[in-house]
Amino acid sequence: MTSFADQPLEEQIAQWRAYLRRRQGVDGPDVEELEGHLRDELAALTQAGLAGDEAFLVAIKRMGSLDALSREFALAHSEGLWKQLVIGPGADEPAKTSHTETLVVLGLAIAAALAIKAPALFGLRIGPDEELPPFYLRNASLFVLPLLAAYFVWKRGAEVASGLWLALPFAAGAVFANVFPFRTGGDTEALTVLHLPIALWLVVGIAYVRGRWFAGDGRMNFVRFSGELVIYYALIALGGGIFTGFTVIMFEAIDVNAKWFAAGWLLPCGATGAVIIGSWLVEAKQSVIENMAPVLTRLFTPLFTVLLLAFLATMAWTGSPINVQREVLIGFDLLLVLVVGLVLYAASARDPQAPPGFFDGLQLLLVVSALVVDGVALAAIAARISEFGFTPNRVAALGENLILLVNLAWSAWLYARFLRHRGSFADLERWQIAYLPVYALWAALVVVMFPPGFGYR
């Protein structure tokens, strides 16, 4: 018997149409309107890279929010899609397409794993008893992000010329990460380690959206992809950590020291290869079920709101100022970036046409709390600069906090307008995605200008 996922696309649409008519007598203009919505979703999903049968089942899953019968139909026929994604392609998709992509992904993952071991040929080794050379930290993103961008260029069917243009930023990043005479352990070297991946991630985003960067949906899709990749990567890392631990324990049971293999091969090669594998998994499973990042946003938004409010209350009660040290500044900036991420992922999961609700008010409280924390941090940084002068860390923190201040302040204003029914949620979404390149541009400025500007210290 032919499974649902193996049927040609038009037959699947006809079966869906018959299902609507049989269950509730939907016919005429109503079913034509629903079919129009369905075909619009199909066009968007196939353009994003899904096969026809995958796109159909994802589309009726989304249609469930418009029509209860479509939701029921999706639940009744989703098993075929899961089997297809996990086991193999359907009859209308040549097996070689899926097999080719699998081979490409595995090849790129192996290439990333080998890339991080290539410096060992020149004496830069990673081992359990060896200090990690600064070269690895500066070039960590260059071992894998060019290969990830190459995967998306291949996946999206972009022209060779586009791929060559995208190679230029990675080449420039390699130059600026390695030609500057950094002082070992200096501030500008640490800033390069932190900011180069941010700048190059924008290049990956351009490859991901395939020329649709200035279309709002393209950038928002890349935001969703980034959040899903973080979650998949964390899950892979958790499993990899357990696997590594068992590897060491099992060989120690027979008096064989496997720590050198775990530290020198398993961990670095697995960490780089997992970026490619995780990205492939996000692509393969995209939109089949509720995205995890927006779901987790619902969980962590109230938790981080309470955290920020508790911090501000404790600081006001004790009168203790912020300790402006490098680790503290990095921690505060990461926290504020996380707040911006929560706002982004909440926007990605929300219907822009829906009226304001309780969660929107909670989001505004989170943004305002982060805005106050950012203001306190900026005051502490400015006081430190006026007392002790400029350093690379203080200037970088000042710029990053100012960038975050602008984003948070305007986001709070747009949220407040939306809650008062004086603006639309789409305004907030457009602001967030339009502001994304600012972070990458600032990161690139730190990588290129700060080392020579501060004497490579």
Protein backbone atom coordinates (compact mmCIF):
# COMPACT_ATOMS: atom_id res chain seq x y z
CA MET A 1 0.00 0.00 0.00
CA THR A 2 1.34 3.43 -0.92
CA SER A 3 1.88 5.67 2.10
CA PHE A 4 0.53 9.20 2.26
CA ALA A 5 4.02 10.72 2.04
CA ASP A 6 4.71 8.78 -1.21
CA GLN A 7 1.76 10.27 -3.12
CA PRO A 8 2.35 13.01 -5.73
CA LEU A 9 1.71 16.52 -4.47
CA GLU A 10 -1.45 17.20 -6.48
CA GLU A 11 -2.96 13.92 -5.27
CA GLN A 12 -2.24 14.94 -1.68
CA ILE A 13 -3.95 18.29 -2.23
CA ALA A 14 -6.92 16.52 -3.80
CA GLN A 15 -7.14 14.17 -0.82
CA TRP A 16 -7.03 17.16 1.58
CA ARG A 17 -9.78 18.90 -0.42
CA ALA A 18 -11.93 15.77 -0.35
CA TYR A 19 -11.35 15.44 3.37
CA LEU A 20 -12.73 18.95 3.98
CA ARG A 21 -15.80 18.26 1.89
CA ARG A 22 -16.46 14.88 3.48
CA ARG A 23 -16.09 15.96 7.11
CA GLN A 24 -18.04 19.20 7.08
CA GLY A 25 -19.32 19.80 3.58
CA VAL A 26 -16.87 22.62 2.91
CA ASP A 27 -17.18 23.51 -0.77
CA GLY A 28 -17.27 26.33 -3.29
CA PRO A 29 -15.51 29.62 -2.44
CA ASP A 30 -14.62 28.44 1.07
CA VAL A 31 -12.54 25.50 -0.02
CA GLU A 32 -11.03 27.58 -2.84
CA GLU A 33 -9.94 30.22 -0.33
CA LEU A 34 -8.41 27.60 1.96
CA GLU A 35 -6.67 25.98 -0.99
CA GLY A 36 -5.28 29.36 -1.97
CA HIS A 37 -3.78 29.76 1.51
CA LEU A 38 -2.38 26.24 1.27
CA ARG A 39 -0.73 26.84 -2.10
CA ASP A 40 0.80 30.13 -0.88
CA GLU A 41 2.37 28.25 2.03
CA LEU A 42 3.56 25.51 -0.33
CA ALA A 43 5.26 28.07 -2.58
CA ALA A 44 7.07 29.69 0.35
CA LEU A 45 8.21 26.38 1.84
CA THR A 46 9.45 24.89 -1.43
CA GLN A 47 11.35 28.11 -2.08
CA ALA A 48 12.97 27.65 1.34
CA GLY A 49 14.26 24.24 0.25
CA LEU A 50 11.67 21.67 1.39
CA ALA A 51 10.58 18.89 -0.94
CA GLY A 52 7.00 18.97 -2.22
CA ASP A 53 5.55 16.37 0.15
CA GLU A 54 7.43 17.82 3.13
CA ALA A 55 6.16 21.29 2.25
CA PHE A 56 2.58 19.99 1.97
CA LEU A 57 2.46 18.49 5.45
CA VAL A 58 4.18 21.49 6.99
CA ALA A 59 1.71 23.77 5.20
CA ILE A 60 -1.36 21.93 6.53
CA LYS A 61 0.26 21.99 9.98
CA ARG A 62 0.37 25.78 9.70
CA MET A 63 -3.14 25.87 8.24
CA GLY A 64 -4.32 24.32 11.49
CA SER A 65 -4.33 27.79 13.03
CA LEU A 66 -6.84 28.88 10.36
CA ASP A 67 -9.07 25.86 10.14
CA ALA A 68 -9.86 23.12 12.68
CA LEU A 69 -10.31 20.50 9.94
CA SER A 70 -6.86 21.21 8.53
CA ARG A 71 -5.44 20.72 12.02
CA GLU A 72 -7.24 17.39 12.31
CA PHE A 73 -6.03 16.36 8.86
CA ALA A 74 -2.42 17.29 9.75
CA LEU A 75 -2.52 15.25 12.94
CA ALA A 76 -3.94 12.27 11.06
CA HIS A 77 -1.29 12.29 8.33
CA SER A 78 1.89 13.59 9.98
CA GLU A 79 3.36 10.15 10.64
CA GLY A 80 4.29 9.73 7.00
CA LEU A 81 6.35 12.90 7.03
CA TRP A 82 8.29 11.90 10.15
CA LYS A 83 9.08 8.54 8.56
CA GLN A 84 10.22 10.28 5.42
CA LEU A 85 12.48 12.69 7.29
CA VAL A 86 14.01 10.02 9.48
CA ILE A 87 14.14 7.01 7.14
CA GLY A 88 14.50 8.40 3.66
CA PRO A 89 12.98 10.32 0.73
CA GLY A 90 9.54 9.69 -0.72
CA ALA A 91 8.78 8.26 -4.13
CA ASP A 92 8.48 11.69 -5.76
CA GLU A 93 11.92 12.76 -4.51
CA PRO A 94 14.89 10.97 -6.07
CA ALA A 95 16.88 9.09 -3.45
CA LYS A 96 20.10 10.52 -4.84
CA THR A 97 19.00 14.03 -3.80
CA SER A 98 18.78 13.11 -0.14
CA HIS A 99 21.86 10.88 -0.34
CA THR A 100 23.85 13.62 -2.06
CA GLU A 101 23.02 16.14 0.64
CA THR A 102 23.90 13.63 3.34
CA LEU A 103 27.27 13.03 1.71
CA VAL A 104 27.87 16.77 1.30
CA VAL A 105 27.06 17.44 4.96
CA LEU A 106 29.23 14.58 6.20
CA GLY A 107 32.06 15.73 3.94
CA LEU A 108 31.86 19.30 5.27
CA ALA A 109 31.67 18.07 8.86
CA ILE A 110 34.78 15.93 8.33
CA ALA A 111 36.51 18.87 6.65
CA ALA A 112 35.73 21.08 9.67
CA ALA A 113 37.05 18.38 12.01
CA LEU A 114 40.25 18.06 10.00
CA ALA A 115 40.65 21.83 9.71
CA ILE A 116 40.94 22.26 13.45
CA LYS A 117 43.64 19.54 13.52
CA ALA A 118 45.62 20.99 10.59
CA PRO A 119 47.59 23.46 12.79
CA ALA A 120 49.02 20.45 14.66
CA LEU A 121 51.16 19.85 11.55
CA PHE A 122 52.94 23.08 12.46
CA GLY A 123 53.40 22.25 16.14
CA LEU A 124 50.18 23.82 17.47
CA ARG A 125 48.73 20.87 19.32
CA ILE A 126 45.65 20.36 21.49
CA GLY A 127 46.01 17.88 24.33
CA PRO A 128 45.01 17.19 27.93
CA ASP A 129 48.30 18.50 29.37
CA GLU A 130 48.96 21.27 26.87
CA GLU A 131 47.83 24.87 27.07
CA LEU A 132 45.51 25.82 24.20
CA PRO A 133 47.50 28.06 21.81
CA PRO A 134 45.91 31.50 21.27
CA PHE A 135 45.89 30.75 17.54
CA TYR A 136 42.99 28.33 18.04
CA LEU A 137 40.91 30.87 19.92
CA ARG A 138 41.43 33.61 17.34
CA ASN A 139 40.63 31.31 14.42
CA ALA A 140 37.89 29.15 15.98
CA SER A 141 35.16 30.59 13.77
CA LEU A 142 37.31 30.27 10.64
CA PHE A 143 37.58 26.51 11.04
CA VAL A 144 33.86 25.98 10.51
CA LEU A 145 31.88 29.07 9.42
CA PRO A 146 33.28 29.19 5.85
CA LEU A 147 32.24 25.55 5.42
CA LEU A 148 28.79 26.27 6.83
CA ALA A 149 28.39 29.17 4.40
CA ALA A 150 29.52 26.84 1.58
CA TYR A 151 26.80 24.38 2.59
CA PHE A 152 24.10 27.04 2.30
CA VAL A 153 25.49 28.29 -1.01
CA TRP A 154 25.26 24.72 -2.33
CA LYS A 155 21.87 24.04 -0.70
CA ARG A 156 20.29 27.22 -2.07
CA GLY A 157 21.72 26.68 -5.54
CA ALA A 158 23.50 30.03 -5.58
CA GLU A 159 25.81 30.98 -8.42
CA VAL A 160 29.56 30.38 -8.14
CA ALA A 161 30.20 34.13 -8.30
CA SER A 162 28.06 34.65 -5.19
CA GLY A 163 30.09 32.03 -3.34
CA LEU A 164 33.32 33.74 -4.30
CA TRP A 165 32.08 37.10 -3.03
CA LEU A 166 31.12 35.49 0.26
CA ALA A 167 34.64 34.06 0.56
CA LEU A 168 36.14 37.54 0.76
CA PRO A 169 34.93 38.40 4.30
CA PHE A 170 36.29 35.08 5.59
CA ALA A 171 39.65 35.76 3.94
CA ALA A 172 39.71 39.23 5.50
CA GLY A 173 38.85 37.74 8.89
CA ALA A 174 41.74 35.28 8.58
CA VAL A 175 44.10 38.14 7.77
CA PHE A 176 43.07 40.39 10.65
CA ALA A 177 43.05 37.48 13.12
CA ASN A 178 46.61 36.47 12.29
CA VAL A 179 48.71 39.35 10.92
CA PHE A 180 48.41 41.68 13.92
CA PRO A 181 51.28 41.28 16.42
CA PHE A 182 49.02 40.62 19.41
CA ARG A 183 50.52 40.54 22.86
CA THR A 184 49.77 37.08 24.23
CA GLY A 185 46.82 37.27 26.59
CA GLY A 186 46.26 40.95 25.76
CA ASP A 187 42.93 42.73 25.66
CA THR A 188 42.78 43.30 21.89
CA GLU A 189 43.44 39.61 21.24
CA ALA A 190 40.56 38.67 23.56
CA LEU A 191 38.31 41.19 21.82
CA THR A 192 39.16 39.65 18.45
CA VAL A 193 38.31 36.19 19.79
CA LEU A 194 34.89 37.43 20.92
CA HIS A 195 33.96 39.68 18.01
CA LEU A 196 35.21 37.90 14.88
CA PRO A 197 32.54 35.13 15.09
CA ILE A 198 29.82 37.80 15.41
CA ALA A 199 31.00 39.59 12.28
CA LEU A 200 31.35 36.38 10.25
CA TRP A 201 27.97 35.03 11.37
CA LEU A 202 26.40 37.83 9.31
CA VAL A 203 28.14 36.38 6.24
CA VAL A 204 26.62 32.97 7.03
CA GLY A 205 23.25 34.72 7.26
CA ILE A 206 23.67 36.21 3.78
CA ALA A 207 24.41 32.73 2.43
CA TYR A 208 21.41 31.33 4.30
CA VAL A 209 18.84 33.78 2.92
CA ARG A 210 20.23 33.59 -0.66
CA GLY A 211 20.01 37.20 -1.71
CA ARG A 212 16.90 38.00 0.36
CA TRP A 213 18.71 39.74 3.20
CA PHE A 214 16.80 42.98 2.73
CA ALA A 215 13.48 41.14 2.79
CA GLY A 216 12.25 41.07 6.38
CA ASP A 217 11.14 37.45 6.28
CA GLY A 218 14.61 36.35 5.16
CA ARG A 219 16.36 37.89 8.14
CA MET A 220 13.72 36.66 10.56
CA ASN A 221 14.12 33.14 9.15
CA PHE A 222 17.84 33.39 9.84
CA VAL A 223 17.09 34.51 13.40
CA ARG A 224 14.91 31.43 13.86
CA PHE A 225 17.60 29.23 12.37
CA SER A 226 20.23 30.67 14.73
CA GLY A 227 18.12 29.98 17.79
CA GLU A 228 17.30 26.45 16.68
CA LEU A 229 20.97 25.77 15.94
CA VAL A 230 21.99 26.85 19.45
CA ILE A 231 19.51 24.37 20.92
CA TYR A 232 20.48 21.51 18.60
CA TYR A 233 24.17 22.21 19.22
CA ALA A 234 23.66 22.19 22.99
CA LEU A 235 21.88 18.83 22.76
CA ILE A 236 24.62 17.40 20.53
CA ALA A 237 27.28 18.77 22.92
CA LEU A 238 25.52 17.16 25.87
CA GLY A 239 25.46 13.80 24.11
CA GLY A 240 29.04 14.26 22.96
CA GLY A 241 30.17 15.04 26.49
CA ILE A 242 28.54 11.87 27.79
CA PHE A 243 30.09 9.86 24.95
CA THR A 244 33.55 11.30 25.69
CA GLY A 245 33.22 10.59 29.39
CA PHE A 246 32.26 6.97 28.79
CA THR A 247 35.13 6.61 26.30
CA VAL A 248 37.69 7.67 28.92
CA ILE A 249 36.10 5.56 31.67
CA MET A 250 35.90 2.40 29.57
CA PHE A 251 39.52 2.53 28.44
CA GLU A 252 40.74 3.40 31.93
CA ALA A 253 39.05 0.17 33.06
CA ILE A 254 41.63 -1.72 31.00
CA ASP A 255 44.52 0.56 32.04
CA VAL A 256 44.59 2.48 28.75
CA ASN A 257 44.83 6.28 28.96
CA ALA A 258 42.36 7.67 26.42
CA LYS A 259 42.44 11.27 27.69
CA TRP A 260 44.87 12.30 24.98
CA PHE A 261 42.47 11.04 22.31
CA ALA A 262 39.44 12.63 23.98
CA ALA A 263 41.10 16.03 24.45
CA GLY A 264 43.09 16.05 21.23
CA TRP A 265 40.59 14.54 18.81
CA LEU A 266 37.08 13.83 20.10
CA LEU A 267 36.36 17.21 21.69
CA PRO A 268 37.85 19.63 19.11
CA CYS A 269 36.79 17.62 16.06
CA GLY A 270 33.34 16.97 17.49
CA ALA A 271 32.84 20.62 18.44
CA THR A 272 33.52 21.86 14.91
CA GLY A 273 31.77 19.06 13.03
CA ALA A 274 28.68 19.42 15.23
CA VAL A 275 28.06 22.93 13.86
CA ILE A 276 27.59 21.52 10.36
CA ILE A 277 25.55 18.54 11.54
CA GLY A 278 23.35 20.73 13.77
CA SER A 279 22.67 23.13 10.90
CA TRP A 280 21.68 20.23 8.66
CA LEU A 281 19.28 18.93 11.32
CA VAL A 282 17.65 22.35 11.67
CA GLU A 283 17.22 22.50 7.89
CA ALA A 284 15.79 18.97 7.73
CA LYS A 285 13.31 19.39 10.55
CA GLN A 286 12.40 23.05 10.02
CA SER A 287 8.74 23.91 10.63
CA VAL A 288 7.61 20.29 11.09
CA ILE A 289 6.82 20.90 14.75
CA GLU A 290 6.73 24.04 16.85
CA ASN A 291 10.14 25.68 16.82
CA MET A 292 11.89 25.11 20.12
CA ALA A 293 13.48 28.54 20.47
CA PRO A 294 10.17 30.48 20.70
CA VAL A 295 8.78 27.86 23.09
CA LEU A 296 11.78 28.29 25.38
CA THR A 297 11.34 32.04 25.09
CA ARG A 298 7.97 31.68 26.82
CA LEU A 299 9.71 29.84 29.64
CA PHE A 300 12.77 32.03 30.13
CA THR A 301 11.22 35.49 29.62
CA PRO A 302 9.58 35.54 33.08
CA LEU A 303 12.68 33.99 34.68
CA PHE A 304 15.05 36.62 33.30
CA THR A 305 12.58 39.37 34.10
CA VAL A 306 12.60 38.27 37.75
CA LEU A 307 16.40 38.01 37.66
CA LEU A 308 16.86 41.57 36.38
CA LEU A 309 14.34 43.03 38.78
CA ALA A 310 15.93 41.18 41.70
CA PHE A 311 19.37 42.43 40.67
CA LEU A 312 18.21 46.05 40.45
CA ALA A 313 16.39 45.81 43.80
CA THR A 314 19.44 44.27 45.49
CA MET A 315 21.79 46.88 44.05
CA ALA A 316 19.48 49.68 45.22
CA TRP A 317 19.12 48.11 48.68
CA THR A 318 22.84 47.52 49.24
CA GLY A 319 24.13 50.55 47.36
CA SER A 320 26.87 48.40 45.81
CA PRO A 321 28.17 49.67 42.44
CA ILE A 322 28.96 47.42 39.50
CA ASN A 323 32.50 46.05 39.52
CA VAL A 324 33.76 47.08 36.08
CA GLN A 325 36.14 44.21 35.32
CA ARG A 326 36.51 42.43 31.98
CA GLU A 327 34.68 39.26 33.06
CA VAL A 328 31.87 41.32 34.60
CA LEU A 329 31.48 43.45 31.46
CA ILE A 330 31.36 40.35 29.26
CA GLY A 331 28.74 38.80 31.55
CA PHE A 332 26.55 41.91 31.47
CA ASP A 333 26.79 42.22 27.70
CA LEU A 334 25.91 38.55 27.23
CA LEU A 335 22.91 39.00 29.51
CA LEU A 336 21.67 42.02 27.56
CA VAL A 337 22.22 40.23 24.24
CA LEU A 338 20.20 37.33 25.62
CA VAL A 339 17.36 39.73 26.42
CA VAL A 340 17.45 41.01 22.82
CA GLY A 341 17.40 37.38 21.67
CA LEU A 342 14.34 36.66 23.79
CA VAL A 343 12.57 39.63 22.20
CA LEU A 344 13.56 38.44 18.72
CA TYR A 345 12.40 34.87 19.22
CA ALA A 346 9.16 36.00 20.81
CA ALA A 347 8.56 38.13 17.72
CA SER A 348 9.36 35.21 15.42
CA ALA A 349 6.68 33.05 17.07
CA ARG A 350 3.97 35.70 17.34
CA ASP A 351 1.20 36.53 14.89
CA PRO A 352 1.80 40.21 14.06
CA GLN A 353 -1.95 40.74 13.64
CA ALA A 354 -2.90 39.39 17.08
CA PRO A 355 -3.94 41.95 19.73
CA PRO A 356 -1.64 42.68 22.69
CA GLY A 357 -1.78 40.23 25.58
CA PHE A 358 -0.23 39.47 28.96
CA PHE A 359 3.00 38.09 27.49
CA ASP A 360 3.53 41.31 25.54
CA GLY A 361 3.34 43.25 28.79
CA LEU A 362 5.85 40.86 30.32
CA GLN A 363 8.16 41.38 27.36
CA LEU A 364 7.96 45.14 27.85
CA LEU A 365 8.83 44.73 31.54
CA LEU A 366 11.83 42.60 30.56
CA VAL A 367 13.02 45.18 28.03
CA VAL A 368 12.62 48.08 30.46
CA SER A 369 14.47 46.16 33.18
CA ALA A 370 17.31 45.41 30.77
CA LEU A 371 17.31 49.06 29.70
CA VAL A 372 17.82 50.17 33.32
CA VAL A 373 20.59 47.60 33.83
CA ASP A 374 22.26 48.81 30.63
CA GLY A 375 22.05 52.40 31.85
CA VAL A 376 23.65 51.47 35.18
CA ALA A 377 26.42 49.58 33.39
CA LEU A 378 27.06 52.53 31.05
CA ALA A 379 27.33 54.89 34.01
CA ALA A 380 29.83 52.57 35.69
CA ILE A 381 31.89 52.26 32.49
CA ALA A 382 31.89 56.02 31.94
CA ALA A 383 33.00 56.62 35.54
CA ARG A 384 35.78 54.07 35.14
CA ILE A 385 36.98 55.68 31.91
CA SER A 386 36.97 59.18 33.42
CA GLU A 387 38.99 57.95 36.40
CA PHE A 388 41.46 55.54 34.80
CA GLY A 389 41.36 56.38 31.08
CA PHE A 390 40.58 54.39 27.98
CA THR A 391 41.39 50.70 27.57
CA PRO A 392 40.34 48.32 24.78
CA ASN A 393 37.90 46.50 27.04
CA ARG A 394 36.26 49.67 28.34
CA VAL A 395 35.86 51.20 24.88
CA ALA A 396 34.48 47.94 23.46
CA ALA A 397 32.07 47.60 26.37
CA LEU A 398 31.04 51.26 26.01
CA GLY A 399 30.26 50.82 22.30
CA GLU A 400 28.42 47.54 22.78
CA ASN A 401 26.31 48.91 25.62
CA LEU A 402 25.45 52.01 23.61
CA ILE A 403 24.35 49.82 20.69
CA LEU A 404 22.25 47.71 23.03
CA LEU A 405 20.85 50.85 24.67
CA VAL A 406 19.56 52.16 21.35
CA ASN A 407 17.98 48.81 20.48
CA LEU A 408 16.37 48.33 23.89
CA ALA A 409 15.15 51.93 24.16
CA TRP A 410 13.41 51.92 20.78
CA SER A 411 12.07 48.42 21.38
CA ALA A 412 10.54 49.60 24.66
CA TRP A 413 8.98 52.58 22.89
CA LEU A 414 7.51 50.40 20.13
CA TYR A 415 6.24 47.84 22.66
CA ALA A 416 4.57 50.60 24.69
CA ARG A 417 2.89 51.99 21.58
CA PHE A 418 1.66 48.53 20.65
CA LEU A 419 0.23 47.87 24.11
CA ARG A 420 -1.58 51.23 23.97
CA HIS A 421 -3.00 50.35 20.50
CA ARG A 422 -1.08 53.21 18.89
CA GLY A 423 1.23 51.06 16.80
CA SER A 424 1.53 47.60 15.29
CA PHE A 425 3.63 44.67 16.38
CA ALA A 426 5.04 44.55 12.85
CA ASP A 427 6.83 47.85 13.60
CA LEU A 428 8.72 46.18 16.45
CA GLU A 429 9.56 43.15 14.30
CA ARG A 430 10.88 45.33 11.47
CA TRP A 431 13.01 47.34 13.92
CA GLN A 432 14.59 44.22 15.41
CA ILE A 433 15.57 42.63 12.11
CA ALA A 434 16.72 45.95 10.61
CA TYR A 435 19.06 46.48 13.58
CA LEU A 436 20.83 43.11 13.28
CA PRO A 437 23.66 44.27 10.94
CA VAL A 438 24.66 46.94 13.48
CA TYR A 439 26.03 44.26 15.81
CA ALA A 440 28.06 42.64 13.03
CA LEU A 441 29.43 45.99 11.85
CA TRP A 442 30.52 46.93 15.38
CA ALA A 443 32.15 43.50 15.81
CA ALA A 444 34.03 43.96 12.53
CA LEU A 445 35.18 47.41 13.66
CA VAL A 446 36.54 45.94 16.91
CA VAL A 447 38.44 43.21 15.01
CA VAL A 448 39.93 45.58 12.42
CA MET A 449 40.52 48.87 14.27
CA PHE A 450 41.05 48.07 17.94
CA PRO A 451 44.32 46.07 17.75
CA PRO A 452 46.32 48.77 15.90
CA GLY A 453 44.41 51.56 17.65
CA PHE A 454 45.49 50.28 21.08
CA GLY A 455 48.99 49.12 20.15
CA TYR A 456 48.07 45.39 20.04
CA ARG A 457 47.95 45.26 23.83
